[in-house]
Amino acid sequence: MGSGRRPVEITNMRLYHALPAIKLILLIAGVSVGVVVIILYGFPLIEDLIKQVDPRERYKPQVEKEFTTQQHETTEEEYQPSEMYLADYKTKNDPYISGNKIIFTTRVDKEDKLYRLDAVGVFNIETQEAQMLPNVEKKYDNLLSPLLSGNTAVWIDSMANGGGRIVGYDLLTNKQFVIKEYGYAMPQLSLDGDILTFMQWAGDTRQRLYAYNVATREAVTIRLFDTEVGNSAADVSDTDMVWSEYKSDAGKKSAALKRIVFSEGSSQFENYDIGDDVYEPKTNGKDIVFATTHDITSGDLMLSTGGSEPVKIAENVLNYDVGDNFVAYTKNDTVYVSFTDQQKTVAVTSEIAKTLLVGVDGNALVYYDITDGILTDEVVMYVTIE
């Protein structure tokens, strides 16, 4: 499917994220997607007040059932993971799989005592060879969070003390182009087809939600937020994009899902009512996975299929992402996959290894083997989920 996404809340800073062609004619034509959302809660609120029911309870996710946690005993052999082995490059930072390629950033300048990431490589799964992209110009300190969709790559050229720029790269012409400079926190990028989305701070109390067409190199501001608590990162698929808007009212924190649907060259809001505890949502176009707390390690991981009542997948996970028909997540140093048909959950990695999910695209995922406890010569594994 080509969705550029990163799992949420990986604690190592070097794994910070930091996710089919769609034609947002509406965006390119300059027609804003910032549509006023109709407030639908008036009548239910009156009903709750009459019945003396706390209206907040109406919109909390109701867990009807949980996935089975039974796991295959031979899952590692069943899925047959492969290693992205590179003899010449020990550092393989932020690997992201897209089709038969894995993009990553690395360190080429061996004389740099600060161990900064200065190059972008693409590993070909079929040939088992990696090529460093030519004409990559690093302006700041580190190249991070690379994504790949078709013949376009994007990454972040980050300053160590804050700020930086989002960069694009055409793999056919081997030319780099600047998408946007930023002065505050590093944005998390999501790329699917030609559309790149990201949420960016523009001061202490202002955020902007952007969509950028990497083919036409045109951008649009979808929403402008005056907020002190911020919002989640945006996530895009070939048919929709999602994010959560956070609120804090008298100490009560909440997070509401927002969703824009793409159809036949147009786009519109189509929000699912799946509760007021929807943090860091991820979408594959038909399923939405999210956490029930901002600190996802202390909450539940939930799945809503087609806007249906959310079901609980797991709890206290470290990070997560969604593929075409599964949700992948890290828990207790193991990478798990829960299929969205709610039939089973399996452990993809061995119980004797320590692993960390890095990213998911379509029917494939990539993860680190961190059994040795360090990430100086990264062991990068990838596997297809059939």
Protein backbone atom coordinates (compact mmCIF):
# COMPACT_ATOMS: atom_id res chain seq x y z
CA MET A 1 0.00 0.00 0.00
CA GLY A 2 2.98 2.28 0.49
CA SER A 3 1.89 4.06 3.64
CA GLY A 4 4.72 5.88 5.34
CA ARG A 5 4.31 5.46 9.05
CA ARG A 6 6.39 5.14 12.15
CA PRO A 7 5.49 3.34 15.32
CA VAL A 8 4.66 5.50 18.31
CA GLU A 9 6.75 6.28 21.38
CA ILE A 10 10.05 4.51 20.68
CA THR A 11 12.22 5.75 23.50
CA ASN A 12 15.62 5.73 21.71
CA MET A 13 16.11 9.21 20.17
CA ARG A 14 17.70 7.72 17.08
CA LEU A 15 14.49 5.97 16.36
CA TYR A 16 12.44 9.18 16.62
CA HIS A 17 9.58 9.54 14.16
CA ALA A 18 8.85 9.12 13.78
CA LEU A 19 4.86 5.57 8.21
CA PRO A 20 -0.72 3.51 -4.16
CA ALA A 21 -0.80 6.99 -5.63
CA ILE A 22 -3.58 9.27 -4.50
CA LYS A 23 -4.45 12.45 -6.25
CA LEU A 24 -5.59 15.18 -3.89
CA ILE A 25 -6.92 17.42 -6.62
CA LEU A 26 -8.79 19.29 -3.93
CA LEU A 27 -5.53 20.09 -2.12
CA ILE A 28 -3.63 21.05 -5.26
CA ALA A 29 -6.45 23.29 -6.49
CA GLY A 30 -6.09 25.24 -3.30
CA VAL A 31 -9.48 24.28 -1.90
CA SER A 32 -8.92 23.99 1.83
CA VAL A 33 -9.86 20.86 3.65
CA GLY A 34 -10.48 22.92 6.76
CA VAL A 35 -14.20 22.29 6.85
CA VAL A 36 -16.26 23.23 9.87
CA VAL A 37 -17.24 20.04 11.70
CA ILE A 38 -20.94 19.88 12.67
CA ILE A 39 -21.44 19.44 16.40
CA LEU A 40 -23.56 16.38 16.94
CA TYR A 41 -23.48 16.11 20.68
CA GLY A 42 -26.28 18.55 21.64
CA PHE A 43 -29.22 16.15 21.87
CA PRO A 44 -27.24 13.32 23.55
CA LEU A 45 -25.94 15.84 26.09
CA ILE A 46 -29.48 16.98 26.98
CA GLU A 47 -30.55 13.36 27.33
CA ASP A 48 -27.62 12.64 29.65
CA LEU A 49 -28.39 15.67 31.83
CA ILE A 50 -32.04 14.64 32.17
CA LYS A 51 -31.00 11.14 33.20
CA GLN A 52 -28.29 12.56 35.50
CA VAL A 53 -25.61 10.61 33.68
CA ASP A 54 -22.04 11.88 33.30
CA PRO A 55 -21.99 12.84 29.58
CA ARG A 56 -18.27 12.01 29.34
CA GLU A 57 -19.06 8.34 29.82
CA ARG A 58 -21.02 8.28 26.55
CA TYR A 59 -17.89 8.78 24.45
CA LYS A 60 -15.41 6.53 26.17
CA PRO A 61 -14.25 3.52 24.15
CA GLN A 62 -16.26 0.50 25.27
CA VAL A 63 -14.25 -2.70 25.13
CA GLU A 64 -16.56 -5.45 23.93
CA LYS A 65 -13.94 -8.13 23.64
CA GLU A 66 -10.22 -8.75 23.45
CA PHE A 67 -8.07 -10.46 20.87
CA THR A 68 -6.83 -13.90 21.73
CA THR A 69 -3.26 -13.81 23.00
CA GLN A 70 -2.50 -17.40 22.06
CA GLN A 71 0.73 -17.55 20.09
CA HIS A 72 2.24 -20.04 17.67
CA GLU A 73 5.15 -21.98 19.12
CA THR A 74 7.10 -21.82 15.84
CA THR A 75 6.30 -18.31 14.68
CA GLU A 76 9.89 -17.36 13.90
CA GLU A 77 10.25 -20.25 11.46
CA GLU A 78 6.77 -19.62 10.11
CA TYR A 79 7.49 -16.03 9.12
CA GLN A 80 11.15 -16.55 8.17
CA PRO A 81 12.64 -13.13 8.91
CA SER A 82 15.66 -12.00 6.89
CA GLU A 83 18.55 -9.75 7.88
CA MET A 84 19.54 -6.56 6.12
CA TYR A 85 23.24 -7.31 6.26
CA LEU A 86 25.69 -4.60 5.20
CA ALA A 87 29.38 -5.22 5.73
CA ASP A 88 30.38 -1.64 4.91
CA TYR A 89 27.84 0.19 7.07
CA LYS A 90 27.51 -0.61 10.74
CA THR A 91 24.98 2.15 11.38
CA LYS A 92 21.55 1.48 9.89
CA ASN A 93 19.37 4.15 11.45
CA ASP A 94 15.57 4.37 11.17
CA PRO A 95 15.17 1.65 8.51
CA TYR A 96 11.84 1.83 6.67
CA ILE A 97 10.59 -0.88 4.31
CA SER A 98 8.65 -0.08 1.15
CA GLY A 99 8.06 -2.86 -1.37
CA ASN A 100 11.41 -4.53 -2.10
CA LYS A 101 13.48 -1.65 -0.71
CA ILE A 102 14.57 -0.51 2.74
CA ILE A 103 15.67 3.08 3.17
CA PHE A 104 17.88 4.11 6.08
CA THR A 105 20.34 6.78 7.18
CA THR A 106 23.93 6.06 8.08
CA ARG A 107 27.36 7.50 8.79
CA VAL A 108 29.89 7.68 5.97
CA ASP A 109 32.34 10.26 7.34
CA LYS A 110 34.49 8.11 9.63
CA GLU A 111 36.48 11.15 10.79
CA ASP A 112 33.44 12.78 12.35
CA LYS A 113 33.99 12.28 16.08
CA LEU A 114 30.39 13.29 16.84
CA TYR A 115 29.12 10.21 14.97
CA ARG A 116 26.61 12.25 13.00
CA LEU A 117 24.36 10.65 10.38
CA ASP A 118 25.34 12.15 7.02
CA ALA A 119 24.07 9.81 4.28
CA VAL A 120 20.93 8.05 3.05
CA GLY A 121 21.04 4.50 1.71
CA VAL A 122 18.57 2.24 -0.08
CA PHE A 123 18.87 -1.53 0.40
CA ASN A 124 17.51 -3.71 -2.41
CA ILE A 125 15.97 -6.86 -0.93
CA GLU A 126 16.26 -8.79 -4.20
CA THR A 127 19.94 -8.05 -4.86
CA GLN A 128 20.89 -7.78 -1.17
CA GLU A 129 22.91 -4.67 -1.97
CA ALA A 130 22.75 -1.09 -0.69
CA GLN A 131 23.38 2.10 -2.60
CA MET A 132 24.09 5.49 -1.07
CA LEU A 133 21.95 8.15 -2.71
CA PRO A 134 24.11 10.67 -4.61
CA ASN A 135 23.78 14.45 -4.29
CA VAL A 136 22.47 14.32 -0.74
CA GLU A 137 23.20 17.68 0.89
CA LYS A 138 23.26 17.72 4.68
CA LYS A 139 22.85 21.26 5.98
CA TYR A 140 22.52 20.53 9.68
CA ASP A 141 23.60 17.75 12.07
CA ASN A 142 21.77 14.49 11.40
CA LEU A 143 19.65 12.90 8.69
CA LEU A 144 16.71 11.13 10.38
CA SER A 145 13.34 9.45 9.81
CA PRO A 146 13.59 8.50 6.12
CA LEU A 147 10.47 7.32 4.26
CA LEU A 148 10.06 5.94 0.76
CA SER A 149 7.08 5.83 -1.62
CA GLY A 150 7.58 4.86 -5.25
CA ASN A 151 10.46 6.93 -6.61
CA THR A 152 10.32 9.60 -3.91
CA ALA A 153 12.11 9.62 -0.58
CA VAL A 154 11.74 12.10 2.27
CA TRP A 155 13.72 12.58 5.46
CA ILE A 156 14.55 15.17 8.12
CA ASP A 157 17.78 17.17 8.19
CA SER A 158 17.83 17.89 11.90
CA MET A 159 19.72 20.33 14.08
CA ALA A 160 20.97 18.87 17.35
CA ASN A 161 19.70 21.86 19.38
CA GLY A 162 16.29 22.07 17.66
CA GLY A 163 15.03 23.10 14.26
CA GLY A 164 15.88 21.74 10.85
CA ARG A 165 14.22 21.03 7.53
CA ILE A 166 12.15 18.38 5.76
CA VAL A 167 13.85 17.18 2.58
CA GLY A 168 12.56 15.33 -0.47
CA TYR A 169 14.53 13.33 -3.03
CA ASP A 170 13.68 12.14 -6.55
CA LEU A 171 15.23 8.69 -7.10
CA LEU A 172 14.86 8.99 -10.90
CA THR A 173 16.79 12.24 -11.25
CA ASN A 174 18.92 11.88 -8.09
CA LYS A 175 17.99 15.40 -7.10
CA GLN A 176 17.20 16.66 -3.61
CA PHE A 177 14.62 19.35 -2.86
CA VAL A 178 13.59 21.19 0.30
CA ILE A 179 10.01 20.71 1.45
CA LYS A 180 9.94 22.92 4.54
CA GLU A 181 12.16 24.45 7.19
CA TYR A 182 11.05 24.25 10.83
CA GLY A 183 12.26 26.00 13.95
CA TYR A 184 10.85 23.94 16.83
CA ALA A 185 10.24 20.28 17.61
CA MET A 186 11.02 17.75 14.90
CA PRO A 187 7.78 16.73 13.12
CA GLN A 188 6.75 13.13 12.57
CA LEU A 189 6.28 12.39 8.88
CA SER A 190 3.74 10.13 7.16
CA LEU A 191 3.94 9.40 3.44
CA ASP A 192 1.56 7.49 1.17
CA GLY A 193 1.65 7.73 -2.62
CA ASP A 194 2.38 11.37 -3.42
CA ILE A 195 1.01 12.80 -0.17
CA LEU A 196 3.17 13.71 2.81
CA THR A 197 1.49 14.86 6.02
CA PHE A 198 2.93 16.26 9.23
CA MET A 199 1.97 18.31 12.29
CA GLN A 200 4.34 21.20 13.00
CA TRP A 201 4.70 23.58 15.92
CA ALA A 202 4.87 27.25 14.93
CA GLY A 203 5.51 28.68 18.40
CA ASP A 204 4.63 27.70 21.94
CA THR A 205 0.87 27.80 21.40
CA ARG A 206 0.34 27.23 17.68
CA GLN A 207 0.39 24.11 15.51
CA ARG A 208 -0.21 23.62 11.81
CA LEU A 209 -1.34 20.47 10.03
CA TYR A 210 0.23 20.27 6.59
CA ALA A 211 -0.28 18.15 3.49
CA TYR A 212 2.39 18.27 0.78
CA ASN A 213 2.27 16.74 -2.70
CA VAL A 214 5.76 15.41 -3.44
CA ALA A 215 4.97 15.13 -7.18
CA THR A 216 3.77 18.70 -7.75
CA ARG A 217 5.69 20.11 -4.75
CA GLU A 218 2.71 22.09 -3.54
CA ALA A 219 1.63 22.41 0.08
CA VAL A 220 -1.57 23.29 1.89
CA THR A 221 -2.29 24.08 5.52
CA ILE A 222 -5.23 21.88 6.47
CA ARG A 223 -5.76 23.19 9.99
CA LEU A 224 -4.26 25.90 12.20
CA PHE A 225 -4.49 25.21 15.92
CA ASP A 226 -4.18 27.60 18.84
CA THR A 227 -3.25 25.12 21.54
CA GLU A 228 -0.92 24.66 24.47
CA VAL A 229 -1.36 20.90 24.80
CA GLY A 230 -0.74 20.12 21.12
CA ASN A 231 -2.11 17.31 18.98
CA SER A 232 -0.97 13.90 17.85
CA ALA A 233 1.08 13.29 14.74
CA ALA A 234 -0.92 12.88 11.53
CA ASP A 235 -1.05 9.55 9.71
CA VAL A 236 -2.05 9.14 6.06
CA SER A 237 -3.16 6.21 3.89
CA ASP A 238 -4.27 6.10 0.26
CA THR A 239 -7.89 6.82 1.25
CA ASP A 240 -7.79 8.85 4.48
CA MET A 241 -5.73 10.68 7.05
CA VAL A 242 -6.19 10.76 10.82
CA TRP A 243 -4.95 12.61 13.88
CA SER A 244 -6.11 13.37 17.43
CA GLU A 245 -6.85 16.78 18.88
CA TYR A 246 -5.93 16.99 22.55
CA LYS A 247 -7.76 19.05 25.16
CA SER A 248 -7.29 19.76 28.84
CA ASP A 249 -10.33 21.18 30.62
CA ALA A 250 -10.10 21.72 34.40
CA GLY A 251 -7.46 19.02 34.63
CA LYS A 252 -9.51 16.55 32.59
CA LYS A 253 -7.55 15.44 29.54
CA SER A 254 -9.19 14.10 26.40
CA ALA A 255 -8.26 13.26 22.82
CA ALA A 256 -10.75 13.15 19.95
CA LEU A 257 -10.16 11.42 16.62
CA LYS A 258 -10.25 13.56 13.50
CA ARG A 259 -10.41 11.97 10.06
CA ILE A 260 -10.42 13.22 6.46
CA VAL A 261 -11.55 10.85 3.71
CA PHE A 262 -10.30 11.06 0.11
CA SER A 263 -12.68 10.01 -2.65
CA GLU A 264 -12.73 10.73 -6.40
CA GLY A 265 -10.55 13.79 -6.21
CA SER A 266 -12.28 15.36 -3.22
CA SER A 267 -11.92 15.20 0.53
CA GLN A 268 -14.18 15.69 3.51
CA PHE A 269 -14.34 15.19 7.26
CA GLU A 270 -15.85 11.89 8.35
CA ASN A 271 -15.19 11.44 12.03
CA TYR A 272 -15.81 8.15 13.82
CA ASP A 273 -17.31 8.35 17.30
CA ILE A 274 -14.90 6.01 19.05
CA GLY A 275 -14.46 7.83 22.34
CA ASP A 276 -12.57 10.72 23.90
CA ASP A 277 -9.42 8.76 24.75
CA VAL A 278 -8.00 8.34 21.26
CA TYR A 279 -4.26 9.01 21.27
CA GLU A 280 -1.77 8.69 18.38
CA PRO A 281 -4.11 7.05 15.82
CA LYS A 282 -2.78 5.06 12.86
CA THR A 283 -4.77 4.14 9.75
CA ASN A 284 -4.54 1.75 6.82
CA GLY A 285 -7.61 3.29 5.16
CA LYS A 286 -10.14 0.94 6.73
CA ASP A 287 -8.87 0.19 10.24
CA ILE A 288 -7.77 2.65 12.92
CA VAL A 289 -5.52 1.66 15.82
CA PHE A 290 -4.87 3.95 18.78
CA ALA A 291 -3.78 4.12 22.41
CA THR A 292 -6.06 5.09 25.29
CA THR A 293 -3.39 7.16 27.07
CA HIS A 294 -0.87 9.74 25.91
CA ASP A 295 1.85 7.64 27.52
CA ILE A 296 0.99 4.51 25.57
CA THR A 297 3.04 2.21 27.83
CA SER A 298 0.49 2.74 30.61
CA GLY A 299 -2.68 2.30 28.52
CA ASP A 300 -4.49 -0.05 26.16
CA LEU A 301 -3.98 -0.55 22.45
CA MET A 302 -7.34 -0.42 20.65
CA LEU A 303 -8.58 -1.25 17.15
CA SER A 304 -11.65 0.06 15.33
CA THR A 305 -12.54 -1.56 12.00
CA GLY A 306 -14.68 0.56 9.70
CA GLY A 307 -15.69 2.86 12.54
CA SER A 308 -16.98 -0.01 14.66
CA GLU A 309 -16.79 -0.24 18.46
CA PRO A 310 -13.10 -0.44 19.42
CA VAL A 311 -11.70 -3.73 20.68
CA LYS A 312 -8.67 -4.15 22.89
CA ILE A 313 -5.59 -5.70 21.30
CA ALA A 314 -3.02 -5.40 24.06
CA GLU A 315 -1.91 -3.25 26.97
CA ASN A 316 1.32 -1.54 28.01
CA VAL A 317 2.95 -1.77 24.59
CA LEU A 318 6.12 0.14 23.76
CA ASN A 319 5.19 1.15 20.19
CA TYR A 320 2.88 0.12 17.36
CA ASP A 321 1.98 0.48 13.69
CA VAL A 322 -0.66 -0.85 11.30
CA GLY A 323 -0.31 -2.82 8.06
CA ASP A 324 -2.81 -3.89 5.43
CA ASN A 325 -4.49 -6.49 7.64
CA PHE A 326 -2.60 -6.51 10.93
CA VAL A 327 -1.41 -4.38 13.82
CA ALA A 328 2.22 -4.81 14.87
CA TYR A 329 3.57 -3.78 18.27
CA THR A 330 6.47 -4.28 20.68
CA LYS A 331 5.85 -5.65 24.16
CA ASN A 332 8.36 -7.19 26.57
CA ASP A 333 11.14 -7.13 23.93
CA THR A 334 9.00 -9.13 21.48
CA VAL A 335 7.31 -8.01 18.27
CA TYR A 336 3.71 -9.22 17.98
CA VAL A 337 1.18 -9.14 15.17
CA SER A 338 -2.58 -9.03 15.80
CA PHE A 339 -4.63 -9.64 12.68
CA THR A 340 -7.48 -7.20 12.11
CA ASP A 341 -9.98 -10.01 11.47
CA GLN A 342 -9.60 -10.63 15.24
CA GLN A 343 -8.73 -14.29 14.74
CA LYS A 344 -5.31 -14.46 16.35
CA THR A 345 -2.26 -12.72 17.78
CA VAL A 346 1.17 -14.21 17.10
CA ALA A 347 4.74 -13.51 18.17
CA VAL A 348 6.81 -12.74 15.10
CA THR A 349 10.14 -12.79 16.90
CA SER A 350 11.81 -15.43 19.06
CA GLU A 351 11.31 -15.48 22.82
CA ILE A 352 15.09 -15.74 23.35
CA ALA A 353 15.78 -12.54 21.40
CA LYS A 354 15.18 -8.91 22.33
CA THR A 355 13.55 -7.04 19.48
CA LEU A 356 12.08 -3.62 18.74
CA LEU A 357 9.58 -2.75 16.02
CA VAL A 358 10.76 0.05 13.72
CA GLY A 359 8.14 0.34 10.97
CA VAL A 360 5.37 -1.27 8.95
CA ASP A 361 4.34 -0.87 5.32
CA GLY A 362 1.63 -2.89 3.59
CA ASN A 363 2.27 -6.53 4.43
CA ALA A 364 5.86 -6.16 5.66
CA LEU A 365 7.57 -4.95 8.80
CA VAL A 366 11.11 -4.16 9.87
CA TYR A 367 12.56 -4.43 13.37
CA TYR A 368 15.81 -4.26 15.31
CA ASP A 369 17.33 -7.25 17.05
CA ILE A 370 18.72 -5.62 20.21
CA THR A 371 19.65 -8.80 22.07
CA ASP A 372 23.16 -7.44 22.69
CA GLY A 373 21.62 -4.39 24.36
CA ILE A 374 23.30 -1.75 22.18
CA LEU A 375 22.68 -0.10 18.83
CA THR A 376 26.19 0.50 17.53
CA ASP A 377 26.16 -2.17 14.84
CA GLU A 378 22.43 -2.47 14.28
CA VAL A 379 20.94 -5.84 13.38
CA VAL A 380 18.02 -4.99 11.10
CA MET A 381 15.50 -7.72 10.32
CA TYR A 382 12.52 -7.68 7.95
CA VAL A 383 9.64 -10.06 7.39
CA THR A 384 6.54 -10.38 5.23
CA ILE A 385 3.26 -11.11 7.02
CA GLU A 386 1.07 -13.33 4.85
